[in-house]
């Protein structure tokens, strides 16, 4: 095995290698890092020489990773991100960015974002995180009044907000499911269509408390040229648990709503062709400096970008 002097390697060359691997082009990588193509080619040749590895196969149209290059990209990508993250965190501590971040989420059985928050708190012990669960209408109200700094919600619920005032990150896409009692005639189906639900009594969240949810369900049925049969309205999906346990109807919700709760009595059946996003949402006018650190962490963790509501 060839001996490699790691002290001869430069962080810029690692970043350059990763950019070329991402773009498949020396030219684009050079433009991104403000280097000429000849300098890019020279630095990569030197890097390959130091490593004793051929990283790319070059042709007239593009450059392609070799098997060794693909392995190195996979291993170095996370290392590079960790280095920049560590430097940023050190700057944050030196700058004295402290404070409290107040978060809210809707009633889900799957709190998939908790590992992110735990990691964030380990890396930023000077920042305190408070998190509480709310129904749709309270979550929106607290976000609008800045009683919380960020809300974890469902994409359709953003429709009732003044969109030019907010930014968001799409965290994950999930299907809608039909939650029903195991005694329901559809309970043994692997999946259902919206038409399958036409004859079912629906348990709905009232438009008063989530206009976005109501519009989402209405659009699902309207797209099929049919109308839903609405049995009961409630302030939140959680308020329908009793109705579900008594087999009094079907609740359409995100896959994350209940997950394994009441699994002996209730079942979640995916609804074919449906998808919503879980989003992290905050006001553009946020004044909490610690939030910027959390947002940057979320972008790296979920490989996402923030968007303005539109």
Foldseek 3Di string as FASTA:
>chain_A
DDDADCVVDDLVLLQLLLLCQVVQALCVSCVVVVHDSVVSVVSPVVVCVRVVHDQWDDDDPGIHGDPVNVVSNVVVVVVSVVVVLLVVLVVCVVVVQAEEAEEEEEAFQDPPCVVLVVVVCVSCVRYHYHYDYDFQQVQVVCQVVVVHFKYWYWPLQCVPDPQQFKKKKFQDKFFKWKKAWCPDPCNPPQAAAVVVQQPWAEEEEDCVQGVSRVVVNQVRQVVVVGGHHHDYYDNHPVVCPVCRQVRNTIYIDTCRNYPCPPVVTMHIHTYPPGMITTMMMGTPPDPRPVVVSSVVSSCVVRVIDMDRGD
